[in-house]
Amino acid sequence: VNSNQNHEEPEIKKLRVNNKVPKIKEEKKFKFDHPWLLTTLKGHPSVINDFDISSNEKYVVSCGSDRSVFLWNIKNVQDKEHKFVRSQIELDSANKIQFSPDDKAVLTALQDNKTVRIFKVIKKENKSHGLVPHLDFAENCDNKDLIQVSIAPNCKYIMTCYVDTTLAIWTLRVKN
């Protein structure tokens, strides 16, 4: 082995050109374009886990991996922009969401706590609507992963489904 042999370092591309940092091309966002498309709802800063539309077709709820729950006003669905109210879930995120049949509540399945949280849909003083956490139950049911939540049409029962193939039916009418 010749110690005088010339070992060349691989060429490193310079990021600076004339002492200026080149602008990185911003990736173009996909634009939805279809004759049937009425509108798009924009506001979630991260992945949307689930959504549902109210039975009166005035609202959409959605939940994201960023611990947010959005209540969208789509009363005039063809409008370009839609007002929304954002609620935050502390230290958790919802992976499933559903309106109650009477549109007075929203059910969420919380991912980390394996809990069902019910939000009450409220009317604010300015006549807009909002979501307020109302009730948590089915908390950490044997530490099983909660994968789905649903409510009966009569609003008397809530069903939960777990990864271990368990279906649980819960009553909302507490006996004294």
C-alpha atoms as a PDB file:
ATOM      1  CA  VAL A   1       0.000   0.000   0.000  1.00  0.00           C
ATOM      2  CA  ASN A   2       1.457   3.239  -1.103  1.00  0.00           C
ATOM      3  CA  SER A   3       1.010   5.914   1.539  1.00  0.00           C
ATOM      4  CA  ASN A   4       1.582   8.591  -1.055  1.00  0.00           C
ATOM      5  CA  GLN A   5      -1.455   7.444  -3.032  1.00  0.00           C
ATOM      6  CA  ASN A   6      -3.857  10.299  -3.603  1.00  0.00           C
ATOM      7  CA  HIS A   7      -7.216   9.657  -1.888  1.00  0.00           C
ATOM      8  CA  GLU A   8      -9.795  12.014  -3.296  1.00  0.00           C
ATOM      9  CA  GLU A   9     -12.826  12.957  -1.282  1.00  0.00           C
ATOM     10  CA  PRO A  10     -16.120  12.595  -3.134  1.00  0.00           C
ATOM     11  CA  GLU A  11     -17.262  15.896  -4.517  1.00  0.00           C
ATOM     12  CA  ILE A  12     -19.808  17.599  -2.284  1.00  0.00           C
ATOM     13  CA  LYS A  13     -22.383  19.690  -4.060  1.00  0.00           C
ATOM     14  CA  LYS A  14     -22.479  23.215  -2.813  1.00  0.00           C
ATOM     15  CA  LEU A  15     -25.833  24.495  -1.650  1.00  0.00           C
ATOM     16  CA  ARG A  16     -24.852  28.077  -2.102  1.00  0.00           C
ATOM     17  CA  VAL A  17     -24.484  29.671  -5.490  1.00  0.00           C
ATOM     18  CA  ASN A  18     -22.934  33.128  -5.477  1.00  0.00           C
ATOM     19  CA  ASN A  19     -23.449  33.264  -1.681  1.00  0.00           C
ATOM     20  CA  LYS A  20     -27.213  32.843  -2.110  1.00  0.00           C
ATOM     21  CA  VAL A  21     -29.271  29.921  -0.879  1.00  0.00           C
ATOM     22  CA  PRO A  22     -31.309  28.635  -3.811  1.00  0.00           C
ATOM     23  CA  LYS A  23     -35.051  28.564  -3.369  1.00  0.00           C
ATOM     24  CA  ILE A  24     -36.438  25.076  -3.199  1.00  0.00           C
ATOM     25  CA  LYS A  25     -39.380  24.649  -5.493  1.00  0.00           C
ATOM     26  CA  GLU A  26     -42.548  24.327  -3.496  1.00  0.00           C
ATOM     27  CA  GLU A  27     -44.379  21.162  -4.388  1.00  0.00           C
ATOM     28  CA  LYS A  28     -47.608  22.012  -6.156  1.00  0.00           C
ATOM     29  CA  LYS A  29     -50.670  20.944  -4.242  1.00  0.00           C
ATOM     30  CA  PHE A  30     -53.064  18.728  -6.092  1.00  0.00           C
ATOM     31  CA  LYS A  31     -56.092  20.675  -7.192  1.00  0.00           C
ATOM     32  CA  PHE A  32     -59.340  18.778  -7.304  1.00  0.00           C
ATOM     33  CA  ASP A  33     -61.214  19.442 -10.492  1.00  0.00           C
ATOM     34  CA  HIS A  34     -64.356  17.590 -11.420  1.00  0.00           C
ATOM     35  CA  PRO A  35     -67.767  18.738 -12.681  1.00  0.00           C
ATOM     36  CA  TRP A  36     -69.500  17.159  -9.661  1.00  0.00           C
ATOM     37  CA  LEU A  37     -67.222  18.806  -7.083  1.00  0.00           C
ATOM     38  CA  LEU A  38     -69.130  21.487  -5.159  1.00  0.00           C
ATOM     39  CA  THR A  39     -66.463  22.663  -2.708  1.00  0.00           C
ATOM     40  CA  THR A  40     -63.487  21.623  -0.607  1.00  0.00           C
ATOM     41  CA  LEU A  41     -63.035  22.114   3.126  1.00  0.00           C
ATOM     42  CA  LYS A  42     -59.587  23.367   4.113  1.00  0.00           C
ATOM     43  CA  GLY A  43     -58.256  23.938   7.605  1.00  0.00           C
ATOM     44  CA  HIS A  44     -56.731  20.771   9.020  1.00  0.00           C
ATOM     45  CA  PRO A  45     -52.948  21.174   9.328  1.00  0.00           C
ATOM     46  CA  SER A  46     -52.361  17.407   9.419  1.00  0.00           C
ATOM     47  CA  VAL A  47     -53.889  14.075   8.427  1.00  0.00           C
ATOM     48  CA  ILE A  48     -57.678  13.854   8.677  1.00  0.00           C
ATOM     49  CA  ASN A  49     -58.635  10.638  10.469  1.00  0.00           C
ATOM     50  CA  ASP A  50     -62.406  10.639   9.977  1.00  0.00           C
ATOM     51  CA  PHE A  51     -65.442  12.810   9.194  1.00  0.00           C
ATOM     52  CA  ASP A  52     -69.237  12.732   9.270  1.00  0.00           C
ATOM     53  CA  ILE A  53     -72.086  14.874   7.974  1.00  0.00           C
ATOM     54  CA  SER A  54     -75.056  15.885  10.132  1.00  0.00           C
ATOM     55  CA  SER A  55     -78.471  14.446   9.318  1.00  0.00           C
ATOM     56  CA  ASN A  56     -79.779  17.975   8.603  1.00  0.00           C
ATOM     57  CA  GLU A  57     -76.864  18.412   6.131  1.00  0.00           C
ATOM     58  CA  LYS A  58     -75.810  21.737   7.651  1.00  0.00           C
ATOM     59  CA  TYR A  59     -72.600  20.596   9.345  1.00  0.00           C
ATOM     60  CA  VAL A  60     -69.607  18.344   8.879  1.00  0.00           C
ATOM     61  CA  VAL A  61     -67.359  17.206  11.736  1.00  0.00           C
ATOM     62  CA  SER A  62     -63.834  15.989  11.170  1.00  0.00           C
ATOM     63  CA  CYS A  63     -60.998  14.871  13.390  1.00  0.00           C
ATOM     64  CA  GLY A  64     -57.290  15.005  12.717  1.00  0.00           C
ATOM     65  CA  SER A  65     -54.091  13.465  13.966  1.00  0.00           C
ATOM     66  CA  ASP A  66     -53.115  16.888  15.360  1.00  0.00           C
ATOM     67  CA  ARG A  67     -55.639  16.431  18.237  1.00  0.00           C
ATOM     68  CA  SER A  68     -58.237  18.684  16.587  1.00  0.00           C
ATOM     69  CA  VAL A  69     -61.955  18.318  15.978  1.00  0.00           C
ATOM     70  CA  PHE A  70     -63.512  20.670  13.438  1.00  0.00           C
ATOM     71  CA  LEU A  71     -67.178  21.591  13.115  1.00  0.00           C
ATOM     72  CA  TRP A  72     -67.753  22.966   9.594  1.00  0.00           C
ATOM     73  CA  ASN A  73     -70.785  25.008   8.588  1.00  0.00           C
ATOM     74  CA  ILE A  74     -71.845  23.773   5.146  1.00  0.00           C
ATOM     75  CA  LYS A  75     -75.351  25.240   5.160  1.00  0.00           C
ATOM     76  CA  ASN A  76     -74.500  26.918   1.853  1.00  0.00           C
ATOM     77  CA  VAL A  77     -72.368  24.089   0.510  1.00  0.00           C
ATOM     78  CA  GLN A  78     -71.507  25.824  -2.773  1.00  0.00           C
ATOM     79  CA  ASP A  79     -69.768  28.746  -1.035  1.00  0.00           C
ATOM     80  CA  LYS A  80     -66.040  29.006  -1.741  1.00  0.00           C
ATOM     81  CA  GLU A  81     -65.115  29.246   1.943  1.00  0.00           C
ATOM     82  CA  HIS A  82     -66.739  27.641   4.963  1.00  0.00           C
ATOM     83  CA  LYS A  83     -66.629  28.772   8.555  1.00  0.00           C
ATOM     84  CA  PHE A  84     -65.443  26.246  11.073  1.00  0.00           C
ATOM     85  CA  VAL A  85     -64.951  25.940  14.798  1.00  0.00           C
ATOM     86  CA  ARG A  86     -61.903  24.071  16.026  1.00  0.00           C
ATOM     87  CA  SER A  87     -61.834  22.174  19.324  1.00  0.00           C
ATOM     88  CA  GLN A  88     -58.706  20.666  20.803  1.00  0.00           C
ATOM     89  CA  ILE A  89     -58.444  17.256  22.462  1.00  0.00           C
ATOM     90  CA  GLU A  90     -55.925  17.398  25.304  1.00  0.00           C
ATOM     91  CA  LEU A  91     -53.090  14.843  25.095  1.00  0.00           C
ATOM     92  CA  ASP A  92     -54.895  12.572  22.634  1.00  0.00           C
ATOM     93  CA  SER A  93     -56.398  12.472  19.168  1.00  0.00           C
ATOM     94  CA  ALA A  94     -59.639  11.086  17.782  1.00  0.00           C
ATOM     95  CA  ASN A  95     -59.489   8.406  15.147  1.00  0.00           C
ATOM     96  CA  LYS A  96     -63.275   8.077  14.629  1.00  0.00           C
ATOM     97  CA  ILE A  97     -66.067  10.638  14.752  1.00  0.00           C
ATOM     98  CA  GLN A  98     -69.845  10.539  14.296  1.00  0.00           C
ATOM     99  CA  PHE A  99     -72.830  12.840  14.731  1.00  0.00           C
ATOM    100  CA  SER A 100     -75.672  11.635  16.919  1.00  0.00           C
ATOM    101  CA  PRO A 101     -78.872  11.097  14.896  1.00  0.00           C
ATOM    102  CA  ASP A 102     -80.429  14.247  16.435  1.00  0.00           C
ATOM    103  CA  ASP A 103     -77.281  16.299  15.616  1.00  0.00           C
ATOM    104  CA  LYS A 104     -77.051  17.499  19.244  1.00  0.00           C
ATOM    105  CA  ALA A 105     -73.836  15.604  19.995  1.00  0.00           C
ATOM    106  CA  VAL A 106     -70.682  14.260  18.377  1.00  0.00           C
ATOM    107  CA  LEU A 107     -69.049  10.981  19.388  1.00  0.00           C
ATOM    108  CA  THR A 108     -65.301  10.492  19.117  1.00  0.00           C
ATOM    109  CA  ALA A 109     -63.094   7.460  19.686  1.00  0.00           C
ATOM    110  CA  LEU A 110     -59.896   8.646  21.356  1.00  0.00           C
ATOM    111  CA  GLN A 111     -56.844   6.829  20.130  1.00  0.00           C
ATOM    112  CA  ASP A 112     -54.445   6.811  23.091  1.00  0.00           C
ATOM    113  CA  ASN A 113     -56.851   6.696  26.041  1.00  0.00           C
ATOM    114  CA  LYS A 114     -59.084   4.172  24.256  1.00  0.00           C
ATOM    115  CA  THR A 115     -62.038   6.247  25.427  1.00  0.00           C
ATOM    116  CA  VAL A 116     -65.278   7.468  23.895  1.00  0.00           C
ATOM    117  CA  ARG A 117     -65.712  11.210  24.292  1.00  0.00           C
ATOM    118  CA  ILE A 118     -69.027  12.891  23.585  1.00  0.00           C
ATOM    119  CA  PHE A 119     -69.017  16.549  22.569  1.00  0.00           C
ATOM    120  CA  LYS A 120     -72.166  18.605  22.927  1.00  0.00           C
ATOM    121  CA  VAL A 121     -73.061  20.784  19.941  1.00  0.00           C
ATOM    122  CA  ILE A 122     -73.900  24.199  21.381  1.00  0.00           C
ATOM    123  CA  LYS A 123     -75.281  27.398  19.949  1.00  0.00           C
ATOM    124  CA  LYS A 124     -73.180  30.427  20.858  1.00  0.00           C
ATOM    125  CA  GLU A 125     -74.386  33.966  21.555  1.00  0.00           C
ATOM    126  CA  ASN A 126     -73.396  35.065  18.046  1.00  0.00           C
ATOM    127  CA  LYS A 127     -75.667  32.266  16.675  1.00  0.00           C
ATOM    128  CA  SER A 128     -72.714  30.193  15.482  1.00  0.00           C
ATOM    129  CA  HIS A 129     -72.221  26.653  16.751  1.00  0.00           C
ATOM    130  CA  GLY A 130     -69.437  25.055  18.739  1.00  0.00           C
ATOM    131  CA  LEU A 131     -68.326  21.813  20.380  1.00  0.00           C
ATOM    132  CA  VAL A 132     -67.886  21.369  24.127  1.00  0.00           C
ATOM    133  CA  PRO A 133     -66.541  18.176  25.736  1.00  0.00           C
ATOM    134  CA  HIS A 134     -69.469  16.675  27.620  1.00  0.00           C
ATOM    135  CA  LEU A 135     -68.802  13.100  28.730  1.00  0.00           C
ATOM    136  CA  ASP A 136     -66.040  10.465  28.655  1.00  0.00           C
ATOM    137  CA  PHE A 137     -66.890   6.803  29.087  1.00  0.00           C
ATOM    138  CA  ALA A 138     -65.758   3.302  28.152  1.00  0.00           C
ATOM    139  CA  GLU A 139     -62.461   4.492  29.524  1.00  0.00           C
ATOM    140  CA  ASN A 140     -59.571   2.178  28.821  1.00  0.00           C
ATOM    141  CA  CYS A 141     -61.789  -0.875  28.462  1.00  0.00           C
ATOM    142  CA  ASP A 142     -59.260  -3.598  29.357  1.00  0.00           C
ATOM    143  CA  ASN A 143     -56.687  -1.483  27.476  1.00  0.00           C
ATOM    144  CA  LYS A 144     -58.087  -2.687  24.135  1.00  0.00           C
ATOM    145  CA  ASP A 145     -57.600  -0.615  21.003  1.00  0.00           C
ATOM    146  CA  LEU A 146     -60.877   1.098  20.133  1.00  0.00           C
ATOM    147  CA  ILE A 147     -61.401   1.052  16.375  1.00  0.00           C
ATOM    148  CA  GLN A 148     -64.996   2.211  15.862  1.00  0.00           C
ATOM    149  CA  VAL A 149     -67.821   3.995  17.658  1.00  0.00           C
ATOM    150  CA  SER A 150     -71.458   4.343  16.630  1.00  0.00           C
ATOM    151  CA  ILE A 151     -74.736   5.495  18.122  1.00  0.00           C
ATOM    152  CA  ALA A 152     -78.172   3.934  17.729  1.00  0.00           C
ATOM    153  CA  PRO A 153     -80.820   5.881  15.778  1.00  0.00           C
ATOM    154  CA  ASN A 154     -82.865   6.323  18.989  1.00  0.00           C
ATOM    155  CA  CYS A 155     -79.782   7.760  20.815  1.00  0.00           C
ATOM    156  CA  LYS A 156     -80.220   5.209  23.635  1.00  0.00           C
ATOM    157  CA  TYR A 157     -77.138   3.097  22.944  1.00  0.00           C
ATOM    158  CA  ILE A 158     -73.558   3.558  21.863  1.00  0.00           C
ATOM    159  CA  MET A 159     -71.618   0.720  20.314  1.00  0.00           C
ATOM    160  CA  THR A 160     -67.851   0.329  20.394  1.00  0.00           C
ATOM    161  CA  CYS A 161     -65.685  -2.106  18.475  1.00  0.00           C
ATOM    162  CA  TYR A 162     -62.224  -3.267  19.543  1.00  0.00           C
ATOM    163  CA  VAL A 163     -59.323  -4.931  17.712  1.00  0.00           C
ATOM    164  CA  ASP A 164     -59.788  -8.144  19.695  1.00  0.00           C
ATOM    165  CA  THR A 165     -63.158  -8.675  17.878  1.00  0.00           C
ATOM    166  CA  THR A 166     -65.208  -7.426  20.848  1.00  0.00           C
ATOM    167  CA  LEU A 167     -68.356  -5.385  20.248  1.00  0.00           C
ATOM    168  CA  ALA A 168     -69.677  -3.549  23.297  1.00  0.00           C
ATOM    169  CA  ILE A 169     -73.094  -1.923  23.649  1.00  0.00           C
ATOM    170  CA  TRP A 170     -73.399   0.886  26.200  1.00  0.00           C
ATOM    171  CA  THR A 171     -76.562   2.466  27.537  1.00  0.00           C
ATOM    172  CA  LEU A 172     -76.941   6.203  27.904  1.00  0.00           C
ATOM    173  CA  ARG A 173     -79.840   5.722  30.315  1.00  0.00           C
ATOM    174  CA  VAL A 174     -78.320   5.263  33.763  1.00  0.00           C
ATOM    175  CA  LYS A 175     -80.455   3.388  36.276  1.00  0.00           C
ATOM    176  CA  ASN A 176     -80.757   4.934  39.745  1.00  0.00           C
END
